């Protein structure tokens, strides 16, 4: 590859099993070093930074602004790690995770399984092929379902609330009241 490869590139493939944890993200390869510095400053690995919301919340973007990296670039990087960042002029999206009642939660399909398991004392399986709840639903069903699709896994009911042709957007999870449940 030549020096202009990244400048002339129209897009990037996400390589889920790449050598760098960021290979599976939309973070530009020339910006990997910024994420590495963020992780080092927070005394964690890049993988921890990607997977653990508690760590990502500690990122102070203003510390990483420089002559070559501006706030818009840093917001794009953080948005890729965290999920969408709401601009004050944009319509506010639904909360990433919203408790409906004692047994029901609705969530963005991009929520990480380990965060959901930790926050709500669930025991959903994690796999090297997926790390989000949407990825779990896709892996379990074997296809991207349409909105309204419901299925049960380990006595937990999953309902797809919103989906597009190529991705699941929002999911409702209902747990039985007699066992594990979304406890916060």
Protein backbone atom coordinates (compact mmCIF):
# COMPACT_ATOMS: atom_id res chain seq x y z
CA UNK A 1 0.00 0.00 0.00
CA UNK A 2 1.16 3.48 -0.80
CA UNK A 3 1.26 6.61 1.34
CA UNK A 4 -2.03 7.87 -0.11
CA UNK A 5 -3.98 4.63 0.42
CA UNK A 6 -6.09 5.84 3.34
CA UNK A 7 -6.62 9.30 1.82
CA UNK A 8 -8.00 7.83 -1.39
CA UNK A 9 -10.02 5.07 0.16
CA UNK A 10 -13.81 5.36 -0.18
CA UNK A 11 -14.59 3.12 2.78
CA UNK A 12 -13.24 0.45 5.08
CA UNK A 13 -14.16 -3.14 5.72
CA UNK A 14 -14.82 -4.16 9.29
CA UNK A 15 -12.58 -7.13 9.97
CA UNK A 16 -14.15 -8.79 13.01
CA UNK A 17 -11.24 -11.17 13.53
CA UNK A 18 -8.49 -8.66 12.70
CA UNK A 19 -5.26 -8.29 14.65
CA UNK A 20 -6.29 -4.95 16.16
CA UNK A 21 -9.58 -4.75 18.12
CA UNK A 22 -10.39 -1.59 16.13
CA UNK A 23 -10.29 -3.55 12.84
CA UNK A 24 -13.92 -4.49 13.50
CA UNK A 25 -14.95 -0.86 13.93
CA UNK A 26 -15.35 2.17 11.69
CA UNK A 27 -12.44 3.95 13.36
CA UNK A 28 -10.05 5.06 10.61
CA UNK A 29 -6.76 3.10 10.77
CA UNK A 30 -4.79 6.36 10.89
CA UNK A 31 -6.66 7.16 14.15
CA UNK A 32 -5.91 3.88 15.93
CA UNK A 33 -3.08 5.57 17.84
CA UNK A 34 -5.53 8.06 19.36
CA UNK A 35 -7.65 5.23 20.78
CA UNK A 36 -4.48 3.52 22.05
CA UNK A 37 -3.49 6.71 23.89
CA UNK A 38 -7.00 7.01 25.37
CA UNK A 39 -6.78 3.42 26.61
CA UNK A 40 -3.30 3.97 28.06
CA UNK A 41 -4.46 7.15 29.83
CA UNK A 42 -7.33 5.16 31.39
CA UNK A 43 -4.97 2.29 32.28
CA UNK A 44 -6.84 -0.29 30.22
CA UNK A 45 -6.56 -2.10 26.92
CA UNK A 46 -8.19 -0.97 23.68
CA UNK A 47 -10.42 -4.06 23.97
CA UNK A 48 -11.55 -2.93 27.46
CA UNK A 49 -12.25 0.54 26.10
CA UNK A 50 -14.41 -0.92 23.34
CA UNK A 51 -16.38 -3.30 25.54
CA UNK A 52 -16.82 -1.54 28.90
CA UNK A 53 -19.10 1.47 29.08
CA UNK A 54 -17.89 2.45 32.56
CA UNK A 55 -14.40 3.00 31.16
CA UNK A 56 -15.62 4.80 28.02
CA UNK A 57 -17.56 7.29 30.16
CA UNK A 58 -14.26 8.51 31.62
CA UNK A 59 -12.89 9.71 28.27
CA UNK A 60 -12.33 13.48 28.21
CA UNK A 61 -12.15 14.36 24.53
CA UNK A 62 -10.69 17.83 25.08
CA UNK A 63 -7.44 16.20 26.28
CA UNK A 64 -6.84 14.75 22.81
CA UNK A 65 -7.42 17.84 20.63
CA UNK A 66 -4.24 18.78 18.76
CA UNK A 67 -3.09 20.61 15.65
CA UNK A 68 -3.82 17.50 13.59
CA UNK A 69 -6.82 16.05 15.43
CA UNK A 70 -9.86 18.21 16.06
CA UNK A 71 -12.98 17.79 18.17
CA UNK A 72 -15.12 16.57 15.21
CA UNK A 73 -12.68 13.70 14.58
CA UNK A 74 -12.57 12.84 18.28
CA UNK A 75 -16.38 12.86 18.47
CA UNK A 76 -16.50 10.50 15.47
CA UNK A 77 -14.04 8.14 17.17
CA UNK A 78 -15.93 8.23 20.48
CA UNK A 79 -19.23 7.75 18.68
CA UNK A 80 -17.86 4.60 17.09
CA UNK A 81 -16.74 3.30 20.51
CA UNK A 82 -19.80 4.42 22.50
CA UNK A 83 -22.60 4.65 19.97
CA UNK A 84 -24.24 7.77 18.66
CA UNK A 85 -23.42 11.05 20.38
CA UNK A 86 -26.38 13.39 20.37
CA UNK A 87 -25.74 16.82 18.89
CA UNK A 88 -27.75 19.61 20.50
CA UNK A 89 -29.42 20.27 17.13
CA UNK A 90 -30.31 16.65 16.38
CA UNK A 91 -33.48 14.89 17.42
CA UNK A 92 -32.86 12.99 20.65
CA UNK A 93 -32.76 9.21 20.08
CA UNK A 94 -34.31 6.81 22.59
CA UNK A 95 -32.17 5.88 25.59
CA UNK A 96 -29.72 3.07 24.93
CA UNK A 97 -31.33 1.05 27.74
CA UNK A 98 -34.73 1.93 29.15
CA UNK A 99 -36.48 0.12 32.00
CA UNK A 100 -40.19 -0.27 31.22
CA UNK A 101 -41.16 -2.15 34.39
CA UNK A 102 -39.62 -4.65 36.83
CA UNK A 103 -39.42 -7.39 34.18
CA UNK A 104 -39.10 -5.44 30.93
CA UNK A 105 -36.32 -3.42 29.34
CA UNK A 106 -36.01 -1.90 25.89
CA UNK A 107 -32.59 -1.33 24.44
CA UNK A 108 -30.57 -0.31 21.46
CA UNK A 109 -29.35 -3.47 19.72
CA UNK A 110 -25.77 -2.09 19.90
CA UNK A 111 -25.70 -2.48 23.71
CA UNK A 112 -22.89 -4.82 24.69
CA UNK A 113 -23.95 -8.14 26.21
CA UNK A 114 -21.44 -7.91 29.04
CA UNK A 115 -22.83 -4.48 30.02
CA UNK A 116 -26.40 -5.79 29.92
CA UNK A 117 -25.48 -8.90 31.93
CA UNK A 118 -23.68 -6.79 34.51
CA UNK A 119 -26.27 -4.02 34.80
CA UNK A 120 -29.32 -6.31 34.95
CA UNK A 121 -27.87 -9.54 36.40
CA UNK A 122 -28.64 -11.53 33.27
CA UNK A 123 -26.60 -14.41 31.96
CA UNK A 124 -26.80 -14.07 28.18
CA UNK A 125 -24.02 -15.92 26.40
CA UNK A 126 -21.10 -14.12 24.82
CA UNK A 127 -19.36 -15.43 21.74
CA UNK A 128 -16.41 -14.49 19.56
CA UNK A 129 -18.84 -13.94 16.66
CA UNK A 130 -20.82 -11.20 18.46
CA UNK A 131 -20.61 -8.89 21.45
CA UNK A 132 -23.87 -6.92 21.24
CA UNK A 133 -27.46 -7.89 21.98
CA UNK A 134 -28.32 -7.40 18.29
CA UNK A 135 -25.48 -9.76 17.38
CA UNK A 136 -26.83 -12.32 19.85
CA UNK A 137 -30.32 -12.08 18.30
CA UNK A 138 -28.88 -12.47 14.80
CA UNK A 139 -26.70 -15.43 15.86
CA UNK A 140 -29.61 -17.11 17.65
CA UNK A 141 -32.06 -16.72 14.75
CA UNK A 142 -29.58 -17.02 11.90
CA UNK A 143 -31.04 -14.03 10.05
CA UNK A 144 -31.97 -10.39 10.56
CA UNK A 145 -35.59 -10.47 11.72
CA UNK A 146 -38.31 -7.99 10.89
CA UNK A 147 -39.83 -5.77 13.57
CA UNK A 148 -42.33 -7.76 15.61
CA UNK A 149 -40.35 -11.03 15.60
CA UNK A 150 -40.44 -12.65 19.05
CA UNK A 151 -38.47 -15.61 20.38
CA UNK A 152 -37.55 -17.10 23.72
CA UNK A 153 -34.10 -17.96 25.04
CA UNK A 154 -33.58 -19.46 28.49
CA UNK A 155 -37.07 -18.30 29.59
CA UNK A 156 -36.29 -14.73 28.48
CA UNK A 157 -38.53 -13.30 25.74
CA UNK A 158 -36.92 -11.15 23.05
CA UNK A 159 -38.99 -8.97 20.73
CA UNK A 160 -37.47 -7.03 17.85
CA UNK A 161 -38.99 -3.55 17.96
CA UNK A 162 -37.13 -2.03 15.03
CA UNK A 163 -34.97 -3.44 12.26
CA UNK A 164 -33.73 -2.56 8.81
CA UNK A 165 -32.73 -4.80 5.94
CA UNK A 166 -29.17 -5.14 7.24
CA UNK A 167 -29.38 -4.56 10.99
CA UNK A 168 -31.44 -4.83 14.15
CA UNK A 169 -32.03 -1.46 15.82
CA UNK A 170 -34.08 -1.90 19.00
CA UNK A 171 -35.13 -4.87 21.16
CA UNK A 172 -37.48 -5.49 24.09
CA UNK A 173 -36.44 -8.08 26.66
CA UNK A 174 -38.94 -9.57 29.12
CA UNK A 175 -37.68 -11.77 31.93
CA UNK A 176 -39.85 -14.01 34.11
CA UNK A 177 -40.66 -12.50 37.50
CA UNK A 178 -39.68 -15.64 39.39
CA UNK A 179 -36.00 -15.87 38.57
CA UNK A 180 -33.46 -13.71 37.01
CA UNK A 181 -34.69 -10.29 36.16
CA UNK A 182 -33.53 -6.90 35.14
CA UNK A 183 -32.32 -5.58 38.48
CA UNK A 184 -30.61 -2.27 38.51
